């Protein structure tokens, strides 16, 4: 194994600190029962709230299950014991709430609901 110098260690630590500030990380998370939203405070000062049942694995979770959310590691993800559910902060901010298959099913459900609502409005006008 190659010897690593103090300068190389210091440089690696500095790169790691830079990564921590480059992307938002979770600072605090809580479940707001009144709004039925998980409220996520980020290290960049922003707050992000989302409906918890839109997360794969939490579709039928109780409020108590949702409230047991934890921040993973250095703040790069969230974890619920229910179903061992994890979601990345980057994924949440990008609107990815599960696997590709889950997101495709969810999009199809939303499109069906939206189309049915538009059809009903069209009939009422006509």
C-alpha atoms as a PDB file:
ATOM      1  CA  UNK A   1       0.000   0.000   0.000  1.00  0.00           C
ATOM      2  CA  UNK A   2       1.318   3.458  -0.897  1.00  0.00           C
ATOM      3  CA  UNK A   3       2.210   5.918   1.820  1.00  0.00           C
ATOM      4  CA  UNK A   4      -0.114   8.890   2.051  1.00  0.00           C
ATOM      5  CA  UNK A   5       1.352  12.230   3.019  1.00  0.00           C
ATOM      6  CA  UNK A   6      -0.147  14.711   5.435  1.00  0.00           C
ATOM      7  CA  UNK A   7      -0.576  17.139   2.535  1.00  0.00           C
ATOM      8  CA  UNK A   8      -2.604  14.553   0.595  1.00  0.00           C
ATOM      9  CA  UNK A   9      -4.804  13.901   3.619  1.00  0.00           C
ATOM     10  CA  UNK A  10      -5.351  17.641   4.126  1.00  0.00           C
ATOM     11  CA  UNK A  11      -6.239  18.058   0.425  1.00  0.00           C
ATOM     12  CA  UNK A  12      -8.736  15.164   0.591  1.00  0.00           C
ATOM     13  CA  UNK A  13     -10.365  16.620   3.703  1.00  0.00           C
ATOM     14  CA  UNK A  14     -10.675  20.012   1.992  1.00  0.00           C
ATOM     15  CA  UNK A  15     -12.304  18.400  -1.075  1.00  0.00           C
ATOM     16  CA  UNK A  16     -14.753  16.649   1.251  1.00  0.00           C
ATOM     17  CA  UNK A  17     -15.648  19.928   2.963  1.00  0.00           C
ATOM     18  CA  UNK A  18     -16.228  21.467  -0.464  1.00  0.00           C
ATOM     19  CA  UNK A  19     -18.622  18.683  -1.420  1.00  0.00           C
ATOM     20  CA  UNK A  20     -20.615  19.285   1.733  1.00  0.00           C
ATOM     21  CA  UNK A  21     -21.293  22.876   0.717  1.00  0.00           C
ATOM     22  CA  UNK A  22     -21.805  22.213  -2.996  1.00  0.00           C
ATOM     23  CA  UNK A  23     -25.114  20.392  -2.599  1.00  0.00           C
ATOM     24  CA  UNK A  24     -27.876  21.020  -0.083  1.00  0.00           C
ATOM     25  CA  UNK A  25     -28.006  18.570   2.778  1.00  0.00           C
ATOM     26  CA  UNK A  26     -30.647  17.913   5.405  1.00  0.00           C
ATOM     27  CA  UNK A  27     -30.180  19.927   8.572  1.00  0.00           C
ATOM     28  CA  UNK A  28     -33.524  19.147  10.248  1.00  0.00           C
ATOM     29  CA  UNK A  29     -36.622  17.128   9.333  1.00  0.00           C
ATOM     30  CA  UNK A  30     -40.063  16.857  10.897  1.00  0.00           C
ATOM     31  CA  UNK A  31     -43.548  15.695  10.008  1.00  0.00           C
ATOM     32  CA  UNK A  32     -46.267  18.368  10.109  1.00  0.00           C
ATOM     33  CA  UNK A  33     -49.458  16.415  10.796  1.00  0.00           C
ATOM     34  CA  UNK A  34     -51.735  19.405  10.204  1.00  0.00           C
ATOM     35  CA  UNK A  35     -50.371  19.970   6.679  1.00  0.00           C
ATOM     36  CA  UNK A  36     -49.621  16.259   6.108  1.00  0.00           C
ATOM     37  CA  UNK A  37     -46.154  17.246   4.869  1.00  0.00           C
ATOM     38  CA  UNK A  38     -42.611  16.269   5.722  1.00  0.00           C
ATOM     39  CA  UNK A  39     -40.765  19.544   6.235  1.00  0.00           C
ATOM     40  CA  UNK A  40     -37.074  19.431   5.429  1.00  0.00           C
ATOM     41  CA  UNK A  41     -34.715  22.253   6.378  1.00  0.00           C
ATOM     42  CA  UNK A  42     -31.607  22.290   4.209  1.00  0.00           C
ATOM     43  CA  UNK A  43     -28.071  23.459   4.938  1.00  0.00           C
ATOM     44  CA  UNK A  44     -28.394  26.176   2.287  1.00  0.00           C
ATOM     45  CA  UNK A  45     -31.177  27.861   4.268  1.00  0.00           C
ATOM     46  CA  UNK A  46     -34.046  26.619   2.099  1.00  0.00           C
ATOM     47  CA  UNK A  47     -37.044  24.649   3.329  1.00  0.00           C
ATOM     48  CA  UNK A  48     -38.642  21.902   1.254  1.00  0.00           C
ATOM     49  CA  UNK A  49     -41.985  20.281   2.100  1.00  0.00           C
ATOM     50  CA  UNK A  50     -43.524  17.260   0.401  1.00  0.00           C
ATOM     51  CA  UNK A  51     -46.460  14.882   0.816  1.00  0.00           C
ATOM     52  CA  UNK A  52     -44.946  11.827   2.504  1.00  0.00           C
ATOM     53  CA  UNK A  53     -47.229   9.274   0.878  1.00  0.00           C
ATOM     54  CA  UNK A  54     -45.766  10.162  -2.509  1.00  0.00           C
ATOM     55  CA  UNK A  55     -42.559   8.390  -1.381  1.00  0.00           C
ATOM     56  CA  UNK A  56     -42.210   4.768  -2.441  1.00  0.00           C
ATOM     57  CA  UNK A  57     -42.724   2.625   0.647  1.00  0.00           C
ATOM     58  CA  UNK A  58     -44.795   5.223   2.506  1.00  0.00           C
ATOM     59  CA  UNK A  59     -47.941   5.116   0.353  1.00  0.00           C
ATOM     60  CA  UNK A  60     -50.093   3.713   3.176  1.00  0.00           C
ATOM     61  CA  UNK A  61     -47.992   4.769   6.173  1.00  0.00           C
ATOM     62  CA  UNK A  62     -49.624   6.103   9.320  1.00  0.00           C
ATOM     63  CA  UNK A  63     -48.831   9.544  10.682  1.00  0.00           C
ATOM     64  CA  UNK A  64     -46.873   7.926  13.507  1.00  0.00           C
ATOM     65  CA  UNK A  65     -44.770   5.927  11.031  1.00  0.00           C
ATOM     66  CA  UNK A  66     -44.060   9.054   8.967  1.00  0.00           C
ATOM     67  CA  UNK A  67     -43.102  11.064  12.058  1.00  0.00           C
ATOM     68  CA  UNK A  68     -40.304   8.576  12.779  1.00  0.00           C
ATOM     69  CA  UNK A  69     -38.141  10.014   9.990  1.00  0.00           C
ATOM     70  CA  UNK A  70     -34.373  10.241  10.498  1.00  0.00           C
ATOM     71  CA  UNK A  71     -31.593  12.064   8.658  1.00  0.00           C
ATOM     72  CA  UNK A  72     -29.021   9.731   7.111  1.00  0.00           C
ATOM     73  CA  UNK A  73     -25.296  10.228   7.551  1.00  0.00           C
ATOM     74  CA  UNK A  74     -24.062  13.693   6.614  1.00  0.00           C
ATOM     75  CA  UNK A  75     -27.562  14.799   5.659  1.00  0.00           C
ATOM     76  CA  UNK A  76     -27.665  13.314   2.168  1.00  0.00           C
ATOM     77  CA  UNK A  77     -30.817  11.269   2.751  1.00  0.00           C
ATOM     78  CA  UNK A  78     -33.861  10.469   4.872  1.00  0.00           C
ATOM     79  CA  UNK A  79     -34.784   7.122   6.439  1.00  0.00           C
ATOM     80  CA  UNK A  80     -37.982   5.571   7.773  1.00  0.00           C
ATOM     81  CA  UNK A  81     -37.935   2.218   9.583  1.00  0.00           C
ATOM     82  CA  UNK A  82     -41.228   1.327   7.897  1.00  0.00           C
ATOM     83  CA  UNK A  83     -40.190  -0.909   5.023  1.00  0.00           C
ATOM     84  CA  UNK A  84     -36.585   0.253   5.543  1.00  0.00           C
ATOM     85  CA  UNK A  85     -37.402   3.226   3.295  1.00  0.00           C
ATOM     86  CA  UNK A  86     -34.593   5.576   2.253  1.00  0.00           C
ATOM     87  CA  UNK A  87     -34.685   8.562  -0.109  1.00  0.00           C
ATOM     88  CA  UNK A  88     -31.855  10.848  -1.158  1.00  0.00           C
ATOM     89  CA  UNK A  89     -32.068  14.610  -0.731  1.00  0.00           C
ATOM     90  CA  UNK A  90     -30.887  15.056  -4.332  1.00  0.00           C
ATOM     91  CA  UNK A  91     -33.676  12.730  -5.495  1.00  0.00           C
ATOM     92  CA  UNK A  92     -36.324  14.592  -3.505  1.00  0.00           C
ATOM     93  CA  UNK A  93     -35.235  17.952  -4.872  1.00  0.00           C
ATOM     94  CA  UNK A  94     -35.299  16.515  -8.399  1.00  0.00           C
ATOM     95  CA  UNK A  95     -38.804  15.114  -7.878  1.00  0.00           C
ATOM     96  CA  UNK A  96     -37.729  11.450  -7.788  1.00  0.00           C
ATOM     97  CA  UNK A  97     -39.742   9.759  -5.058  1.00  0.00           C
ATOM     98  CA  UNK A  98     -38.846   6.142  -5.824  1.00  0.00           C
ATOM     99  CA  UNK A  99     -37.579   3.753  -8.486  1.00  0.00           C
ATOM    100  CA  UNK A 100     -38.161   4.362 -12.192  1.00  0.00           C
ATOM    101  CA  UNK A 101     -40.938   1.781 -12.208  1.00  0.00           C
ATOM    102  CA  UNK A 102     -42.620   3.429  -9.206  1.00  0.00           C
ATOM    103  CA  UNK A 103     -42.352   6.869 -10.793  1.00  0.00           C
ATOM    104  CA  UNK A 104     -43.792   5.544 -14.084  1.00  0.00           C
ATOM    105  CA  UNK A 105     -46.786   4.020 -12.252  1.00  0.00           C
ATOM    106  CA  UNK A 106     -47.261   7.236 -10.300  1.00  0.00           C
ATOM    107  CA  UNK A 107     -47.118   9.345 -13.483  1.00  0.00           C
ATOM    108  CA  UNK A 108     -49.686   7.071 -15.148  1.00  0.00           C
ATOM    109  CA  UNK A 109     -52.000   7.423 -12.135  1.00  0.00           C
ATOM    110  CA  UNK A 110     -51.619  11.211 -12.118  1.00  0.00           C
ATOM    111  CA  UNK A 111     -52.209  11.401 -15.879  1.00  0.00           C
ATOM    112  CA  UNK A 112     -55.349   9.274 -15.566  1.00  0.00           C
ATOM    113  CA  UNK A 113     -56.663  11.456 -12.734  1.00  0.00           C
ATOM    114  CA  UNK A 114     -55.852  14.670 -14.622  1.00  0.00           C
ATOM    115  CA  UNK A 115     -57.422  13.406 -17.848  1.00  0.00           C
ATOM    116  CA  UNK A 116     -60.604  12.369 -16.018  1.00  0.00           C
ATOM    117  CA  UNK A 117     -60.846  15.807 -14.414  1.00  0.00           C
ATOM    118  CA  UNK A 118     -60.361  17.591 -17.730  1.00  0.00           C
ATOM    119  CA  UNK A 119     -62.938  15.363 -19.410  1.00  0.00           C
ATOM    120  CA  UNK A 120     -65.472  16.224 -16.710  1.00  0.00           C
ATOM    121  CA  UNK A 121     -64.874  19.957 -17.161  1.00  0.00           C
ATOM    122  CA  UNK A 122     -65.201  19.626 -20.926  1.00  0.00           C
ATOM    123  CA  UNK A 123     -68.558  17.865 -20.639  1.00  0.00           C
ATOM    124  CA  UNK A 124     -69.901  20.505 -18.262  1.00  0.00           C
ATOM    125  CA  UNK A 125     -69.024  23.289 -20.714  1.00  0.00           C
ATOM    126  CA  UNK A 126     -70.372  21.517 -23.770  1.00  0.00           C
END
